[in-house]
Amino acid sequence: MTHGTDGIDSITTYGTFGNGGGRSTEPEPQYSLKMFGEVVKTFRKRARLTQEQFAPLVGYSPETVASIEQGRRLPPPDFAERADSILDAFGVILAAAKHLTRRKGLASWFRQWAELELSALSLYTYECRLIPGLLQTAAYARTLFTDQLPPLADEQIEAQLAARLERQQLLRERPNTSFSFILEEHLLLRDLGGEHITRELLDHILDLSELRNVDVQIMPLVRHHHAGLDGPMQLLETPDHQWFGYLEGQEHGQFVSDLKVLSALQMRCASMRSQALSLDDSKSLMRRMRGAR
């Protein structure tokens, strides 16, 4: 199966992208990203448009436009074409965007997932090892990066933390994207980093679960039947209604586009959603856990 805009084929690809404290887990600001952002900003100002005026024209939020112009975010696949047309940029924005797909140090499998995530219609995540990156607090994420082995330098920790917090804006900047999370109960009982970090984490997840586009379900400790025993997974639906998956291990990640594998992952995800606590019961459990701290 191919995806015309991103060059994704049926070959599974390996890397280390994901939710953990690992090496290149999030995209760090790159020179080419900053240059692309400057090009967009220059043509926007030439058109005498503010970010707030330009955002609805290009179909994204002002926050997303600001992140792109500041070089902190990969533009969605259709952003460059829309921006070039709206700003009458003579093809300059489109030309600048071509260099983003060839950035040194950014693996092809990561570009694929990151670009798809920015425009996804839905994103399903099951985690049994740690709280997913999109739901982490700064303190929880910092604990993961600090505990990373081999150890990370202070500047690496700060860079990865900033990138992770930036990525989390997806939850609020894409209200039409459906985010569904299934979390094992033991992740919230571990008290990673200490009780105060867990207390803040519970408050944060409960707050996010009130968003209309975010569902959080808890898989209870005792469950006689469990469809997720093969490990964590993510599933993503594109605007073209194609599905892709991501599986992560300790030292590698696997990008999945094979239809047979995706069918199995979708089957497991659907089963887990029925095996986990309901949305209301999950919130009630988290509130009780919060009150016990």
C-alpha atoms as a PDB file:
ATOM      1  CA  MET A   1       0.000   0.000   0.000  1.00  0.00           C
ATOM      2  CA  THR A   2       1.250   3.476  -0.804  1.00  0.00           C
ATOM      3  CA  HIS A   3       0.421   6.919   0.480  1.00  0.00           C
ATOM      4  CA  GLY A   4       0.902   9.350  -2.364  1.00  0.00           C
ATOM      5  CA  THR A   5       2.017  12.456  -0.465  1.00  0.00           C
ATOM      6  CA  ASP A   6       4.376  10.879   2.055  1.00  0.00           C
ATOM      7  CA  GLY A   7       6.077   8.178   0.049  1.00  0.00           C
ATOM      8  CA  ILE A   8       5.032   5.444   2.473  1.00  0.00           C
ATOM      9  CA  ASP A   9       5.182   1.919   1.092  1.00  0.00           C
ATOM     10  CA  SER A  10       4.370  -1.508   2.463  1.00  0.00           C
ATOM     11  CA  ILE A  11       7.882  -2.057   3.829  1.00  0.00           C
ATOM     12  CA  THR A  12       7.980  -1.760   7.595  1.00  0.00           C
ATOM     13  CA  THR A  13      10.542   0.740   8.827  1.00  0.00           C
ATOM     14  CA  TYR A  14      12.513   0.807  12.079  1.00  0.00           C
ATOM     15  CA  GLY A  15      13.599   3.618  14.414  1.00  0.00           C
ATOM     16  CA  THR A  16      13.247   4.844  17.990  1.00  0.00           C
ATOM     17  CA  PHE A  17      10.324   7.242  17.983  1.00  0.00           C
ATOM     18  CA  GLY A  18       7.690   7.097  20.702  1.00  0.00           C
ATOM     19  CA  ASN A  19       6.663   7.978  24.223  1.00  0.00           C
ATOM     20  CA  GLY A  20       9.655   6.929  26.322  1.00  0.00           C
ATOM     21  CA  GLY A  21      12.686   8.783  27.517  1.00  0.00           C
ATOM     22  CA  GLY A  22      14.837   7.488  24.671  1.00  0.00           C
ATOM     23  CA  ARG A  23      17.324   8.901  22.283  1.00  0.00           C
ATOM     24  CA  SER A  24      15.660  10.779  19.431  1.00  0.00           C
ATOM     25  CA  THR A  25      12.118  10.402  20.669  1.00  0.00           C
ATOM     26  CA  GLU A  26      10.885  13.798  19.486  1.00  0.00           C
ATOM     27  CA  PRO A  27      11.813  16.088  16.608  1.00  0.00           C
ATOM     28  CA  GLU A  28      14.225  18.778  17.720  1.00  0.00           C
ATOM     29  CA  PRO A  29      14.191  22.228  16.072  1.00  0.00           C
ATOM     30  CA  GLN A  30      16.159  22.081  12.822  1.00  0.00           C
ATOM     31  CA  TYR A  31      17.729  24.832  10.744  1.00  0.00           C
ATOM     32  CA  SER A  32      15.619  23.936   7.713  1.00  0.00           C
ATOM     33  CA  LEU A  33      12.457  24.150   9.812  1.00  0.00           C
ATOM     34  CA  LYS A  34      13.416  27.623  10.986  1.00  0.00           C
ATOM     35  CA  MET A  35      14.194  28.705   7.420  1.00  0.00           C
ATOM     36  CA  PHE A  36      10.850  27.397   6.181  1.00  0.00           C
ATOM     37  CA  GLY A  37       9.093  29.263   8.989  1.00  0.00           C
ATOM     38  CA  GLU A  38      10.862  32.495   8.060  1.00  0.00           C
ATOM     39  CA  VAL A  39       9.799  32.093   4.420  1.00  0.00           C
ATOM     40  CA  VAL A  40       6.150  31.629   5.421  1.00  0.00           C
ATOM     41  CA  LYS A  41       6.290  34.579   7.823  1.00  0.00           C
ATOM     42  CA  THR A  42       7.865  36.850   5.206  1.00  0.00           C
ATOM     43  CA  PHE A  43       5.191  36.130   2.605  1.00  0.00           C
ATOM     44  CA  ARG A  44       2.429  36.391   5.228  1.00  0.00           C
ATOM     45  CA  LYS A  45       3.629  39.841   6.230  1.00  0.00           C
ATOM     46  CA  ARG A  46       3.979  40.770   2.555  1.00  0.00           C
ATOM     47  CA  ALA A  47       0.275  39.926   2.197  1.00  0.00           C
ATOM     48  CA  ARG A  48      -0.459  42.155   5.244  1.00  0.00           C
ATOM     49  CA  LEU A  49      -2.026  39.285   7.172  1.00  0.00           C
ATOM     50  CA  THR A  50      -1.666  38.587  10.881  1.00  0.00           C
ATOM     51  CA  GLN A  51      -1.305  35.009  12.076  1.00  0.00           C
ATOM     52  CA  GLU A  52      -4.915  35.156  13.287  1.00  0.00           C
ATOM     53  CA  GLN A  53      -6.113  36.276   9.856  1.00  0.00           C
ATOM     54  CA  PHE A  54      -3.952  33.813   7.938  1.00  0.00           C
ATOM     55  CA  ALA A  55      -4.768  30.741  10.066  1.00  0.00           C
ATOM     56  CA  PRO A  56      -8.418  30.194   8.947  1.00  0.00           C
ATOM     57  CA  LEU A  57      -7.451  30.804   5.334  1.00  0.00           C
ATOM     58  CA  VAL A  58      -4.892  28.014   5.414  1.00  0.00           C
ATOM     59  CA  GLY A  59      -7.132  25.776   7.518  1.00  0.00           C
ATOM     60  CA  TYR A  60      -5.132  25.580  10.755  1.00  0.00           C
ATOM     61  CA  SER A  61      -5.160  27.285  14.153  1.00  0.00           C
ATOM     62  CA  PRO A  62      -3.134  30.436  14.897  1.00  0.00           C
ATOM     63  CA  GLU A  63      -1.102  28.356  17.369  1.00  0.00           C
ATOM     64  CA  THR A  64      -0.151  25.907  14.629  1.00  0.00           C
ATOM     65  CA  VAL A  65       0.807  28.746  12.278  1.00  0.00           C
ATOM     66  CA  ALA A  66       2.933  30.308  15.019  1.00  0.00           C
ATOM     67  CA  SER A  67       4.695  27.000  15.712  1.00  0.00           C
ATOM     68  CA  ILE A  68       5.478  26.542  12.017  1.00  0.00           C
ATOM     69  CA  GLU A  69       6.775  30.091  11.612  1.00  0.00           C
ATOM     70  CA  GLN A  70       8.981  29.706  14.683  1.00  0.00           C
ATOM     71  CA  GLY A  71      10.485  26.519  13.257  1.00  0.00           C
ATOM     72  CA  ARG A  72       9.188  24.354  16.080  1.00  0.00           C
ATOM     73  CA  ARG A  73       6.858  22.107  14.064  1.00  0.00           C
ATOM     74  CA  LEU A  74       6.780  20.145  10.865  1.00  0.00           C
ATOM     75  CA  PRO A  75       4.096  21.640   8.595  1.00  0.00           C
ATOM     76  CA  PRO A  76       1.227  19.277   7.751  1.00  0.00           C
ATOM     77  CA  PRO A  77       1.471  17.766   4.237  1.00  0.00           C
ATOM     78  CA  ASP A  78      -1.020  20.195   2.675  1.00  0.00           C
ATOM     79  CA  PHE A  79       0.143  23.340   4.496  1.00  0.00           C
ATOM     80  CA  ALA A  80       2.836  24.415   2.015  1.00  0.00           C
ATOM     81  CA  GLU A  81       0.554  24.124  -1.016  1.00  0.00           C
ATOM     82  CA  ARG A  82      -2.255  26.075   0.653  1.00  0.00           C
ATOM     83  CA  ALA A  83       0.086  28.745   2.016  1.00  0.00           C
ATOM     84  CA  ASP A  84       1.842  29.203  -1.322  1.00  0.00           C
ATOM     85  CA  SER A  85      -1.484  29.690  -3.109  1.00  0.00           C
ATOM     86  CA  ILE A  86      -3.066  31.980  -0.503  1.00  0.00           C
ATOM     87  CA  LEU A  87       0.051  34.147  -0.150  1.00  0.00           C
ATOM     88  CA  ASP A  88       0.814  34.195  -3.891  1.00  0.00           C
ATOM     89  CA  ALA A  89       4.361  33.092  -3.071  1.00  0.00           C
ATOM     90  CA  PHE A  90       5.469  32.220  -6.633  1.00  0.00           C
ATOM     91  CA  GLY A  91       6.189  28.614  -5.617  1.00  0.00           C
ATOM     92  CA  VAL A  92       8.816  29.678  -3.068  1.00  0.00           C
ATOM     93  CA  ILE A  93       7.015  28.108  -0.087  1.00  0.00           C
ATOM     94  CA  LEU A  94       6.525  24.863  -1.992  1.00  0.00           C
ATOM     95  CA  ALA A  95      10.200  24.828  -2.937  1.00  0.00           C
ATOM     96  CA  ALA A  96      11.254  25.445   0.664  1.00  0.00           C
ATOM     97  CA  ALA A  97       9.004  22.606   1.850  1.00  0.00           C
ATOM     98  CA  LYS A  98      10.832  20.092  -0.338  1.00  0.00           C
ATOM     99  CA  HIS A  99      13.963  20.475   1.768  1.00  0.00           C
ATOM    100  CA  LEU A 100      12.056  19.555   4.934  1.00  0.00           C
ATOM    101  CA  THR A 101      11.743  15.953   3.755  1.00  0.00           C
ATOM    102  CA  ARG A 102      15.516  15.624   3.421  1.00  0.00           C
ATOM    103  CA  ARG A 103      16.689  16.974   6.777  1.00  0.00           C
ATOM    104  CA  LYS A 104      19.927  15.432   7.945  1.00  0.00           C
ATOM    105  CA  GLY A 105      19.501  13.419  11.118  1.00  0.00           C
ATOM    106  CA  LEU A 106      15.733  12.934  10.799  1.00  0.00           C
ATOM    107  CA  ALA A 107      14.987   9.346   9.784  1.00  0.00           C
ATOM    108  CA  SER A 108      12.448   8.655   7.053  1.00  0.00           C
ATOM    109  CA  TRP A 109      10.254   6.511   9.292  1.00  0.00           C
ATOM    110  CA  PHE A 110       9.973   9.386  11.785  1.00  0.00           C
ATOM    111  CA  ARG A 111       9.002  11.884   9.079  1.00  0.00           C
ATOM    112  CA  GLN A 112       6.278   9.520   7.958  1.00  0.00           C
ATOM    113  CA  TRP A 113       4.652   9.145  11.375  1.00  0.00           C
ATOM    114  CA  ALA A 114       5.149  12.790  12.427  1.00  0.00           C
ATOM    115  CA  GLU A 115       3.601  14.123   9.231  1.00  0.00           C
ATOM    116  CA  LEU A 116       0.684  11.707   9.397  1.00  0.00           C
ATOM    117  CA  GLU A 117       0.053  12.566  13.054  1.00  0.00           C
ATOM    118  CA  LEU A 118      -0.289  16.279  12.257  1.00  0.00           C
ATOM    119  CA  SER A 119      -3.275  15.715   9.955  1.00  0.00           C
ATOM    120  CA  ALA A 120      -4.759  12.512  11.390  1.00  0.00           C
ATOM    121  CA  LEU A 121      -8.506  12.065  11.741  1.00  0.00           C
ATOM    122  CA  SER A 122      -8.052   9.709  14.676  1.00  0.00           C
ATOM    123  CA  LEU A 123      -5.214   8.382  16.812  1.00  0.00           C
ATOM    124  CA  TYR A 124      -5.529   5.323  19.054  1.00  0.00           C
ATOM    125  CA  THR A 125      -2.909   4.556  21.689  1.00  0.00           C
ATOM    126  CA  TYR A 126      -2.527   1.606  24.057  1.00  0.00           C
ATOM    127  CA  GLU A 127       0.276   1.723  26.649  1.00  0.00           C
ATOM    128  CA  CYS A 128       1.395  -0.754  29.274  1.00  0.00           C
ATOM    129  CA  ARG A 129       4.894   0.629  30.079  1.00  0.00           C
ATOM    130  CA  LEU A 130       4.533   4.359  30.709  1.00  0.00           C
ATOM    131  CA  ILE A 131       2.127   7.243  30.240  1.00  0.00           C
ATOM    132  CA  PRO A 132       1.960   8.166  26.517  1.00  0.00           C
ATOM    133  CA  GLY A 133       3.930  11.261  25.529  1.00  0.00           C
ATOM    134  CA  LEU A 134       0.800  13.205  24.579  1.00  0.00           C
ATOM    135  CA  LEU A 135      -0.544  12.840  28.137  1.00  0.00           C
ATOM    136  CA  GLN A 136       2.647  13.407  30.144  1.00  0.00           C
ATOM    137  CA  THR A 137       3.241  16.361  32.428  1.00  0.00           C
ATOM    138  CA  ALA A 138       6.545  18.214  32.210  1.00  0.00           C
ATOM    139  CA  ALA A 139       7.636  16.728  35.552  1.00  0.00           C
ATOM    140  CA  TYR A 140       6.782  13.168  34.500  1.00  0.00           C
ATOM    141  CA  ALA A 141       8.582  13.572  31.158  1.00  0.00           C
ATOM    142  CA  ARG A 142      11.610  15.084  32.847  1.00  0.00           C
ATOM    143  CA  THR A 143      11.791  12.047  35.141  1.00  0.00           C
ATOM    144  CA  LEU A 144      11.852   9.749  32.115  1.00  0.00           C
ATOM    145  CA  PHE A 145      14.610  11.742  30.426  1.00  0.00           C
ATOM    146  CA  THR A 146      16.630  12.038  33.640  1.00  0.00           C
ATOM    147  CA  ASP A 147      16.433   8.273  34.243  1.00  0.00           C
ATOM    148  CA  GLN A 148      17.465   7.465  30.663  1.00  0.00           C
ATOM    149  CA  LEU A 149      20.396   5.063  30.285  1.00  0.00           C
ATOM    150  CA  PRO A 150      22.904   5.791  28.898  1.00  0.00           C
ATOM    151  CA  PRO A 151      22.477   9.177  30.594  1.00  0.00           C
ATOM    152  CA  LEU A 152      21.511  12.259  28.612  1.00  0.00           C
ATOM    153  CA  ALA A 153      23.296  15.589  28.926  1.00  0.00           C
ATOM    154  CA  ASP A 154      21.363  18.479  30.473  1.00  0.00           C
ATOM    155  CA  GLU A 155      20.957  20.195  27.097  1.00  0.00           C
ATOM    156  CA  GLN A 156      19.609  16.981  25.573  1.00  0.00           C
ATOM    157  CA  ILE A 157      17.057  16.654  28.359  1.00  0.00           C
ATOM    158  CA  GLU A 158      15.883  20.240  27.899  1.00  0.00           C
ATOM    159  CA  ALA A 159      15.673  19.894  24.110  1.00  0.00           C
ATOM    160  CA  GLN A 160      13.664  16.670  24.272  1.00  0.00           C
ATOM    161  CA  LEU A 161      11.403  18.055  26.991  1.00  0.00           C
ATOM    162  CA  ALA A 162      10.643  21.172  24.931  1.00  0.00           C
ATOM    163  CA  ALA A 163       9.891  19.047  21.871  1.00  0.00           C
ATOM    164  CA  ARG A 164       7.562  16.769  23.821  1.00  0.00           C
ATOM    165  CA  LEU A 165       5.593  19.663  25.316  1.00  0.00           C
ATOM    166  CA  GLU A 166       5.332  21.193  21.858  1.00  0.00           C
ATOM    167  CA  ARG A 167       3.930  17.960  20.417  1.00  0.00           C
ATOM    168  CA  GLN A 168       1.266  17.843  23.136  1.00  0.00           C
ATOM    169  CA  GLN A 169      -0.393  20.921  21.626  1.00  0.00           C
ATOM    170  CA  LEU A 170      -1.912  18.551  19.077  1.00  0.00           C
ATOM    171  CA  LEU A 171      -4.625  17.646  21.600  1.00  0.00           C
ATOM    172  CA  ARG A 172      -5.922  21.201  21.800  1.00  0.00           C
ATOM    173  CA  GLU A 173      -4.935  22.505  18.358  1.00  0.00           C
ATOM    174  CA  ARG A 174      -6.735  19.695  16.507  1.00  0.00           C
ATOM    175  CA  PRO A 175     -10.243  19.601  18.052  1.00  0.00           C
ATOM    176  CA  ASN A 176     -11.539  17.625  15.055  1.00  0.00           C
ATOM    177  CA  THR A 177      -9.035  14.822  15.602  1.00  0.00           C
ATOM    178  CA  SER A 178     -10.237  11.991  17.828  1.00  0.00           C
ATOM    179  CA  PHE A 179      -7.617  10.875  20.382  1.00  0.00           C
ATOM    180  CA  SER A 180      -8.274   7.619  22.228  1.00  0.00           C
ATOM    181  CA  PHE A 181      -5.992   6.285  24.979  1.00  0.00           C
ATOM    182  CA  ILE A 182      -6.079   2.978  26.851  1.00  0.00           C
ATOM    183  CA  LEU A 183      -3.779   3.000  29.881  1.00  0.00           C
ATOM    184  CA  GLU A 184      -2.944   0.148  32.224  1.00  0.00           C
ATOM    185  CA  GLU A 185      -3.961   0.947  35.804  1.00  0.00           C
ATOM    186  CA  HIS A 186      -0.520   0.015  37.122  1.00  0.00           C
ATOM    187  CA  LEU A 187       1.003   2.989  35.253  1.00  0.00           C
ATOM    188  CA  LEU A 188      -0.718   5.298  37.733  1.00  0.00           C
ATOM    189  CA  LEU A 189       0.092   3.123  40.746  1.00  0.00           C
ATOM    190  CA  ARG A 190       3.843   3.075  40.090  1.00  0.00           C
ATOM    191  CA  ASP A 191       4.334   6.644  41.427  1.00  0.00           C
ATOM    192  CA  LEU A 192       7.140   7.246  38.958  1.00  0.00           C
ATOM    193  CA  GLY A 193       9.073  10.268  40.210  1.00  0.00           C
ATOM    194  CA  GLY A 194       7.166  10.353  43.488  1.00  0.00           C
ATOM    195  CA  GLU A 195       3.622  10.855  44.764  1.00  0.00           C
ATOM    196  CA  HIS A 196       3.558  14.574  43.964  1.00  0.00           C
ATOM    197  CA  ILE A 197       4.355  13.894  40.309  1.00  0.00           C
ATOM    198  CA  THR A 198       1.650  11.221  40.136  1.00  0.00           C
ATOM    199  CA  ARG A 199      -0.848  13.570  41.780  1.00  0.00           C
ATOM    200  CA  GLU A 200      -0.110  16.247  39.180  1.00  0.00           C
ATOM    201  CA  LEU A 201      -0.247  13.624  36.414  1.00  0.00           C
ATOM    202  CA  LEU A 202      -3.693  12.429  37.490  1.00  0.00           C
ATOM    203  CA  ASP A 203      -4.993  16.009  37.562  1.00  0.00           C
ATOM    204  CA  HIS A 204      -3.532  16.590  34.105  1.00  0.00           C
ATOM    205  CA  ILE A 205      -5.043  13.456  32.548  1.00  0.00           C
ATOM    206  CA  LEU A 206      -8.426  14.165  34.150  1.00  0.00           C
ATOM    207  CA  ASP A 207      -8.304  17.683  32.731  1.00  0.00           C
ATOM    208  CA  LEU A 208      -7.472  16.421  29.229  1.00  0.00           C
ATOM    209  CA  SER A 209     -10.192  13.774  29.425  1.00  0.00           C
ATOM    210  CA  GLU A 210     -12.755  16.576  29.626  1.00  0.00           C
ATOM    211  CA  LEU A 211     -11.883  17.642  26.068  1.00  0.00           C
ATOM    212  CA  ARG A 212     -14.517  16.429  23.596  1.00  0.00           C
ATOM    213  CA  ASN A 213     -11.895  14.919  21.297  1.00  0.00           C
ATOM    214  CA  VAL A 214      -9.951  13.026  23.993  1.00  0.00           C
ATOM    215  CA  ASP A 215     -11.030   9.666  25.454  1.00  0.00           C
ATOM    216  CA  VAL A 216      -9.061   8.020  28.260  1.00  0.00           C
ATOM    217  CA  GLN A 217      -9.867   4.490  29.421  1.00  0.00           C
ATOM    218  CA  ILE A 218      -8.165   2.542  32.185  1.00  0.00           C
ATOM    219  CA  MET A 219      -7.451  -1.182  31.851  1.00  0.00           C
ATOM    220  CA  PRO A 220      -7.938  -2.554  35.388  1.00  0.00           C
ATOM    221  CA  LEU A 221      -5.256  -4.526  37.188  1.00  0.00           C
ATOM    222  CA  VAL A 222      -7.413  -7.637  37.298  1.00  0.00           C
ATOM    223  CA  ARG A 223      -8.676  -8.627  33.858  1.00  0.00           C
ATOM    224  CA  HIS A 224      -9.234 -12.274  32.983  1.00  0.00           C
ATOM    225  CA  HIS A 225      -9.137 -11.585  29.246  1.00  0.00           C
ATOM    226  CA  HIS A 226      -6.810  -9.043  27.681  1.00  0.00           C
ATOM    227  CA  ALA A 227      -6.228  -8.439  23.942  1.00  0.00           C
ATOM    228  CA  GLY A 228      -3.146  -6.264  24.407  1.00  0.00           C
ATOM    229  CA  LEU A 229      -0.632  -8.714  25.832  1.00  0.00           C
ATOM    230  CA  ASP A 230       1.640  -8.380  22.790  1.00  0.00           C
ATOM    231  CA  GLY A 231       2.579  -4.872  23.929  1.00  0.00           C
ATOM    232  CA  PRO A 232       1.935  -1.167  23.301  1.00  0.00           C
ATOM    233  CA  MET A 233       0.660   0.092  19.948  1.00  0.00           C
ATOM    234  CA  GLN A 234      -0.605   3.138  18.129  1.00  0.00           C
ATOM    235  CA  LEU A 235      -3.055   3.297  15.229  1.00  0.00           C
ATOM    236  CA  LEU A 236      -3.690   6.317  13.037  1.00  0.00           C
ATOM    237  CA  GLU A 237      -6.315   7.187  10.396  1.00  0.00           C
ATOM    238  CA  THR A 238      -5.412   9.686   7.664  1.00  0.00           C
ATOM    239  CA  PRO A 239      -7.793  12.172   5.968  1.00  0.00           C
ATOM    240  CA  ASP A 240      -7.854   9.674   3.065  1.00  0.00           C
ATOM    241  CA  HIS A 241      -9.150   7.042   5.531  1.00  0.00           C
ATOM    242  CA  GLN A 242      -5.987   4.988   5.319  1.00  0.00           C
ATOM    243  CA  TRP A 243      -4.634   3.353   8.460  1.00  0.00           C
ATOM    244  CA  PHE A 244      -1.080   3.055   9.737  1.00  0.00           C
ATOM    245  CA  GLY A 245       0.397   1.727  12.939  1.00  0.00           C
ATOM    246  CA  TYR A 246       3.401   2.150  15.173  1.00  0.00           C
ATOM    247  CA  LEU A 247       4.902  -0.439  17.537  1.00  0.00           C
ATOM    248  CA  GLU A 248       7.747   0.330  19.927  1.00  0.00           C
ATOM    249  CA  GLY A 249      10.333  -1.796  21.695  1.00  0.00           C
ATOM    250  CA  GLN A 250      13.316  -0.895  23.853  1.00  0.00           C
ATOM    251  CA  GLU A 251      15.767  -0.313  21.019  1.00  0.00           C
ATOM    252  CA  HIS A 252      13.640   0.099  17.905  1.00  0.00           C
ATOM    253  CA  GLY A 253      10.297   1.212  16.526  1.00  0.00           C
ATOM    254  CA  GLN A 254       8.280  -0.391  13.744  1.00  0.00           C
ATOM    255  CA  PHE A 255       6.142   1.634  11.330  1.00  0.00           C
ATOM    256  CA  VAL A 256       3.318  -0.584  10.069  1.00  0.00           C
ATOM    257  CA  SER A 257       1.504  -0.230   6.745  1.00  0.00           C
ATOM    258  CA  ASP A 258       0.876  -3.912   5.961  1.00  0.00           C
ATOM    259  CA  LEU A 259      -2.903  -4.435   5.705  1.00  0.00           C
ATOM    260  CA  LYS A 260      -2.835  -7.865   7.343  1.00  0.00           C
ATOM    261  CA  VAL A 261      -0.932  -6.571  10.391  1.00  0.00           C
ATOM    262  CA  LEU A 262      -3.114  -3.462  10.617  1.00  0.00           C
ATOM    263  CA  SER A 263      -6.245  -5.614  10.594  1.00  0.00           C
ATOM    264  CA  ALA A 264      -4.920  -7.589  13.574  1.00  0.00           C
ATOM    265  CA  LEU A 265      -3.996  -4.405  15.454  1.00  0.00           C
ATOM    266  CA  GLN A 266      -7.437  -2.887  14.842  1.00  0.00           C
ATOM    267  CA  MET A 267      -9.069  -6.078  16.075  1.00  0.00           C
ATOM    268  CA  ARG A 268      -7.011  -6.010  19.262  1.00  0.00           C
ATOM    269  CA  CYS A 269      -7.671  -2.313  19.837  1.00  0.00           C
ATOM    270  CA  ALA A 270     -11.438  -2.762  19.442  1.00  0.00           C
ATOM    271  CA  SER A 271     -11.383  -5.658  21.899  1.00  0.00           C
ATOM    272  CA  MET A 272      -9.360  -3.707  24.460  1.00  0.00           C
ATOM    273  CA  ARG A 273     -11.773  -0.781  24.300  1.00  0.00           C
ATOM    274  CA  SER A 274     -14.525  -3.149  25.449  1.00  0.00           C
ATOM    275  CA  GLN A 275     -12.300  -4.812  28.064  1.00  0.00           C
ATOM    276  CA  ALA A 276     -11.160  -1.540  29.645  1.00  0.00           C
ATOM    277  CA  LEU A 277     -13.293   0.473  32.055  1.00  0.00           C
ATOM    278  CA  SER A 278     -15.836   2.807  30.502  1.00  0.00           C
ATOM    279  CA  LEU A 279     -14.957   6.490  30.104  1.00  0.00           C
ATOM    280  CA  ASP A 280     -16.986   7.485  33.183  1.00  0.00           C
ATOM    281  CA  ASP A 281     -15.693   4.586  35.291  1.00  0.00           C
ATOM    282  CA  SER A 282     -12.128   5.416  34.243  1.00  0.00           C
ATOM    283  CA  LYS A 283     -12.550   9.011  35.390  1.00  0.00           C
ATOM    284  CA  SER A 284     -14.052   7.841  38.675  1.00  0.00           C
ATOM    285  CA  LEU A 285     -11.121   5.515  39.274  1.00  0.00           C
ATOM    286  CA  MET A 286      -8.591   8.272  38.560  1.00  0.00           C
ATOM    287  CA  ARG A 287     -10.418  10.636  40.915  1.00  0.00           C
ATOM    288  CA  ARG A 288     -10.304   8.009  43.684  1.00  0.00           C
ATOM    289  CA  MET A 289      -6.613   7.444  43.033  1.00  0.00           C
ATOM    290  CA  ARG A 290      -6.065  11.200  43.133  1.00  0.00           C
ATOM    291  CA  GLY A 291      -7.911  11.493  46.449  1.00  0.00           C
ATOM    292  CA  ALA A 292      -5.793   8.739  47.995  1.00  0.00           C
ATOM    293  CA  ARG A 293      -2.638  10.839  47.514  1.00  0.00           C
END
